[in-house]
Protein backbone atom coordinates (compact mmCIF):
# COMPACT_ATOMS: atom_id res chain seq x y z
CA MET A 1 78.75 -102.61 80.95
CA THR A 2 77.31 -105.84 78.89
CA LYS A 3 77.10 -105.84 75.21
CA GLN A 4 73.44 -104.71 73.52
CA LYS A 5 72.83 -108.28 71.63
CA VAL A 6 72.47 -107.93 68.09
CA VAL A 7 69.47 -110.04 66.44
CA LEU A 8 69.36 -110.27 62.60
CA VAL A 9 65.84 -110.83 60.91
CA THR A 10 64.99 -111.55 57.50
CA GLY A 11 62.36 -110.57 55.96
CA GLY A 12 61.89 -108.32 59.00
CA MET A 13 60.09 -105.65 56.99
CA GLY A 14 56.94 -108.01 56.39
CA GLY A 15 53.87 -108.60 58.50
CA LEU A 16 55.11 -111.05 61.33
CA GLY A 17 58.53 -109.83 60.61
CA GLU A 18 57.83 -106.42 61.46
CA THR A 19 56.10 -107.37 64.63
CA ILE A 20 59.24 -109.78 65.71
CA SER A 21 61.83 -106.82 64.79
CA THR A 22 59.33 -103.93 67.16
CA LYS A 23 59.33 -106.38 69.98
CA MET A 24 62.92 -107.49 70.25
CA ALA A 25 63.84 -103.93 70.01
CA ASP A 26 61.34 -103.69 73.37
CA ALA A 27 63.45 -106.36 74.88
CA GLY A 28 66.29 -104.54 74.47
CA TYR A 29 68.45 -106.44 71.59
CA ARG A 30 69.98 -104.05 68.63
CA VAL A 31 67.56 -105.42 65.85
CA VAL A 32 68.49 -105.69 62.12
CA VAL A 33 66.58 -106.58 59.29
CA THR A 34 67.14 -107.60 55.99
CA TYR A 35 64.92 -106.34 52.74
CA SER A 36 64.82 -107.47 49.19
CA PRO A 37 67.14 -105.61 47.02
CA GLY A 38 64.17 -104.55 44.73
CA ASN A 39 62.15 -102.98 47.83
CA ALA A 40 62.14 -99.59 47.08
CA LYS A 41 60.30 -98.63 50.27
CA HIS A 42 62.89 -99.55 52.44
CA ALA A 43 63.91 -95.89 53.61
CA GLU A 44 60.54 -95.17 54.02
CA TRP A 45 60.01 -98.32 56.24
CA VAL A 46 62.84 -97.33 58.11
CA ALA A 47 61.97 -93.86 58.71
CA GLY A 48 58.46 -94.90 59.82
CA MET A 49 59.94 -96.89 62.30
CA ALA A 50 62.31 -94.39 63.54
CA ALA A 51 59.00 -91.88 64.12
CA ARG A 52 57.86 -94.61 66.25
CA GLY A 53 61.03 -94.43 68.12
CA TYR A 54 62.85 -97.36 66.74
CA ASP A 55 66.09 -97.74 65.53
CA ILE A 56 66.23 -100.84 63.34
CA LEU A 57 69.22 -101.29 60.48
CA ALA A 58 68.32 -102.09 57.06
CA VAL A 59 70.38 -104.11 54.92
CA PRO A 60 69.76 -105.35 51.76
CA CYS A 61 69.81 -109.00 51.35
CA ASP A 62 68.43 -112.11 48.75
CA VAL A 63 68.09 -114.59 51.04
CA ALA A 64 68.03 -116.95 48.16
CA ASP A 65 71.45 -116.25 47.21
CA PHE A 66 74.58 -117.13 49.30
CA ASP A 67 76.70 -114.06 48.02
CA SER A 68 74.11 -111.31 48.78
CA CYS A 69 74.20 -113.14 52.15
CA THR A 70 78.10 -113.11 52.81
CA ARG A 71 77.69 -109.08 51.86
CA ALA A 72 74.98 -108.03 53.74
CA VAL A 73 76.25 -110.22 57.11
CA ALA A 74 79.40 -108.34 56.44
CA GLU A 75 77.57 -105.21 56.74
CA VAL A 76 75.69 -105.75 59.53
CA GLN A 77 79.20 -106.72 61.56
CA ALA A 78 80.69 -103.62 60.46
CA GLN A 79 78.08 -101.30 61.73
CA VAL A 80 76.88 -102.94 64.83
CA GLY A 81 78.67 -106.28 65.75
CA ALA A 82 78.58 -109.52 65.38
CA VAL A 83 75.29 -111.55 65.24
CA ASP A 84 73.78 -113.21 68.50
CA VAL A 85 70.52 -113.96 67.30
CA LEU A 86 69.73 -114.96 63.84
CA VAL A 87 65.83 -115.06 63.34
CA ASN A 88 65.47 -116.76 59.68
CA ASN A 89 61.70 -115.38 58.86
CA ALA A 90 61.71 -114.63 55.24
CA GLY A 91 59.51 -116.70 52.88
CA ILE A 92 57.27 -116.61 50.11
CA THR A 93 54.22 -118.59 48.45
CA ARG A 94 53.66 -119.84 45.23
CA ASP A 95 50.50 -121.95 45.96
CA MET A 96 48.89 -124.17 43.04
CA THR A 97 48.35 -127.76 42.51
CA PHE A 98 51.21 -130.22 41.80
CA LYS A 99 49.56 -130.93 38.53
CA LYS A 100 50.02 -127.29 37.48
CA MET A 101 53.36 -126.71 39.50
CA ASP A 102 56.53 -125.56 37.21
CA THR A 103 60.35 -126.04 38.41
CA VAL A 104 60.42 -122.14 38.25
CA ASN A 105 57.67 -122.08 41.31
CA TRP A 106 59.26 -124.76 42.86
CA ASN A 107 62.41 -123.28 42.84
CA ALA A 108 61.74 -120.14 43.79
CA VAL A 109 60.32 -121.21 46.99
CA MET A 110 62.85 -123.78 47.67
CA ARG A 111 65.50 -121.54 47.79
CA THR A 112 64.21 -118.58 49.51
CA ASN A 113 61.86 -120.79 52.24
CA LEU A 114 65.19 -123.43 52.72
CA ASP A 115 68.40 -122.53 51.04
CA SER A 116 68.38 -119.38 52.72
CA LEU A 117 68.56 -121.02 56.01
CA PHE A 118 71.94 -122.33 54.51
CA ASN A 119 72.86 -119.08 53.24
CA MET A 120 72.17 -116.72 56.39
CA THR A 121 73.09 -119.46 59.36
CA LYS A 122 76.48 -119.94 57.29
CA GLN A 123 77.43 -116.30 57.87
CA VAL A 124 76.97 -116.83 61.24
CA ALA A 125 76.89 -120.19 63.20
CA ASP A 126 80.88 -120.15 63.42
CA GLY A 127 80.95 -116.95 65.15
CA MET A 128 78.28 -118.21 67.31
CA VAL A 129 80.41 -121.08 68.13
CA ASP A 130 83.66 -119.38 68.82
CA ARG A 131 82.24 -117.27 71.19
CA GLY A 132 80.35 -119.61 73.12
CA TRP A 133 76.86 -118.49 72.93
CA GLY A 134 74.15 -118.02 70.33
CA ARG A 135 70.30 -118.34 68.96
CA ILE A 136 69.18 -119.66 66.00
CA ILE A 137 65.42 -119.47 65.21
CA ASN A 138 63.81 -120.66 62.12
CA VAL A 139 60.38 -119.86 61.46
CA SER A 140 58.44 -122.76 59.59
CA SER A 141 54.58 -123.35 59.38
CA VAL A 142 52.05 -125.50 60.48
CA ASN A 143 51.41 -126.33 56.82
CA GLY A 144 55.23 -127.94 56.92
CA SER A 145 53.95 -130.45 59.82
CA LYS A 146 50.51 -131.38 58.31
CA GLY A 147 50.87 -130.21 54.90
CA ALA A 148 48.26 -128.12 52.63
CA PHE A 149 46.62 -128.82 49.48
CA GLY A 150 48.08 -127.01 46.24
CA GLN A 151 51.10 -126.09 48.72
CA THR A 152 54.05 -129.13 47.89
CA ASN A 153 56.38 -126.69 47.48
CA TYR A 154 55.92 -124.75 50.39
CA SER A 155 55.23 -127.81 52.76
CA ALA A 156 58.25 -129.33 51.37
CA ALA A 157 60.43 -126.55 52.09
CA LYS A 158 59.11 -125.85 55.64
CA SER A 159 59.31 -129.22 56.67
CA GLY A 160 63.12 -129.19 55.40
CA VAL A 161 63.54 -126.40 57.80
CA HIS A 162 63.04 -128.42 61.15
CA GLY A 163 65.49 -131.36 59.40
CA PHE A 164 67.83 -128.36 59.27
CA THR A 165 67.13 -127.45 63.16
CA LYS A 166 67.58 -130.91 64.16
CA ALA A 167 70.88 -131.60 62.89
CA LEU A 168 72.60 -128.13 63.24
CA ALA A 169 71.49 -128.37 67.04
CA LEU A 170 73.21 -131.82 68.06
CA GLU A 171 76.26 -129.86 66.33
CA VAL A 172 76.45 -126.91 68.38
CA ALA A 173 74.71 -127.87 71.54
CA ARG A 174 77.70 -128.19 73.44
CA LYS A 175 78.89 -124.29 72.68
CA ASN A 176 75.72 -122.90 74.06
CA VAL A 177 74.12 -122.25 70.71
CA THR A 178 70.32 -123.34 70.17
CA VAL A 179 68.75 -124.10 67.09
CA ASN A 180 64.80 -124.26 67.26
CA THR A 181 62.19 -124.11 64.79
CA ILE A 182 58.71 -122.34 65.58
CA SER A 183 55.97 -123.37 63.42
CA PRO A 184 52.81 -120.73 63.39
CA GLY A 185 49.63 -121.02 62.08
CA TYR A 186 46.95 -118.74 60.95
CA ILE A 187 47.94 -115.19 62.13
CA GLY A 188 46.67 -111.94 61.97
CA THR A 189 48.75 -110.15 59.37
CA LYS A 190 47.83 -108.12 56.98
CA MET A 191 48.15 -111.07 54.38
CA VAL A 192 45.72 -113.28 56.51
CA THR A 193 43.36 -110.46 57.20
CA ALA A 194 42.90 -109.83 53.96
CA ILE A 195 41.26 -112.96 53.32
CA PRO A 196 37.28 -112.11 52.99
CA LYS A 197 35.50 -112.31 56.18
CA GLU A 198 33.18 -115.19 54.85
CA ILE A 199 36.17 -117.44 54.05
CA LEU A 200 37.79 -117.03 57.56
CA ASP A 201 34.26 -117.78 59.34
CA SER A 202 33.46 -120.42 57.24
CA LYS A 203 36.88 -122.29 56.04
CA ILE A 204 39.86 -120.99 58.59
CA LEU A 205 38.32 -120.49 62.18
CA PRO A 206 36.59 -123.76 62.14
CA GLN A 207 39.76 -125.48 61.80
CA ILE A 208 41.46 -123.63 65.02
CA PRO A 209 40.42 -124.78 68.51
CA VAL A 210 40.79 -121.77 70.18
CA GLY A 211 38.48 -120.21 67.92
CA ARG A 212 40.81 -116.92 66.60
CA LEU A 213 43.43 -116.27 64.51
CA GLY A 214 46.97 -116.06 66.29
CA LYS A 215 48.28 -112.55 67.17
CA PRO A 216 52.13 -111.60 65.73
CA GLU A 217 52.92 -110.47 68.88
CA GLU A 218 51.98 -114.12 70.49
CA VAL A 219 54.81 -115.36 67.68
CA ALA A 220 57.06 -112.17 68.62
CA GLY A 221 56.93 -113.44 72.48
CA LEU A 222 57.94 -117.03 71.62
CA ILE A 223 61.34 -115.87 69.88
CA ILE A 224 61.99 -113.68 72.97
CA TYR A 225 61.79 -115.98 75.06
CA LEU A 226 63.82 -118.94 72.39
CA ALA A 227 66.66 -115.89 72.12
CA SER A 228 66.86 -115.67 76.09
CA GLU A 229 69.24 -117.26 78.69
CA GLU A 230 66.03 -118.98 80.25
CA ALA A 231 65.66 -120.65 77.22
CA ALA A 232 69.38 -122.54 77.32
CA PHE A 233 67.94 -125.89 77.50
CA VAL A 234 65.58 -125.80 74.56
CA THR A 235 67.45 -127.10 71.50
CA GLY A 236 65.95 -128.91 68.16
CA ALA A 237 62.50 -128.38 69.32
CA ASN A 238 60.00 -127.78 66.47
CA ILE A 239 57.20 -125.53 69.02
CA ALA A 240 53.61 -125.42 67.55
CA ILE A 241 51.86 -121.98 67.96
CA ASN A 242 48.50 -122.36 66.20
CA GLY A 243 45.95 -122.61 68.32
CA GLY A 244 45.43 -126.36 68.37
CA GLN A 245 44.94 -126.56 64.73
CA HIS A 246 47.48 -129.06 64.37
CA MET A 247 49.05 -130.94 67.45
CA GLN A 248 52.72 -132.72 67.14
């Protein structure tokens, strides 16, 4: 019997992360998500997933802290086995103009959005290489490619995501381990749909040639493809999924 592949999704309880997690479970993966150690609602979330028929393992992990990531992955390996697919999805924003930016808000975004790639990938990459199979999928952003007013910290971190992807992809390619970046634009998560309709209609949607927000399921579908056997020849890529808002 073929071993069920294990996928670890950081920030898997968030709007986009939750859809990635459920869709990967639908695709036959054994899904594990990380949650912030301060998230008191994690048990409620897991119970809600179970009520929907999803058996998802949740482990506490501060992705900005290397030792926390070490402990989290060790727990995953002990409970369900080695990680076959890593989706580095966790991220935060601390938006403000550069004039107002301070080191606290700069460092918070860099550590969570960029340092986390090292912290998590370091735990699983060697095992993937040793086994001769693995998928690492890093979630960046359209704003990492084009920049955004008030997001010097976020844009810098998300741009760095793809530099990490390209270099690591070169190192592990011959071992059947792929490393790719996806760069979503405006996706219809709870955070985005909470933006006042007049702002969506007048400021955001006119920037998107297809004329609508992306669907979380569309992003999840791209990740499922990149995790598949059929995507074995795709590595070091940055795939834009933004409705034409920014073409690379």
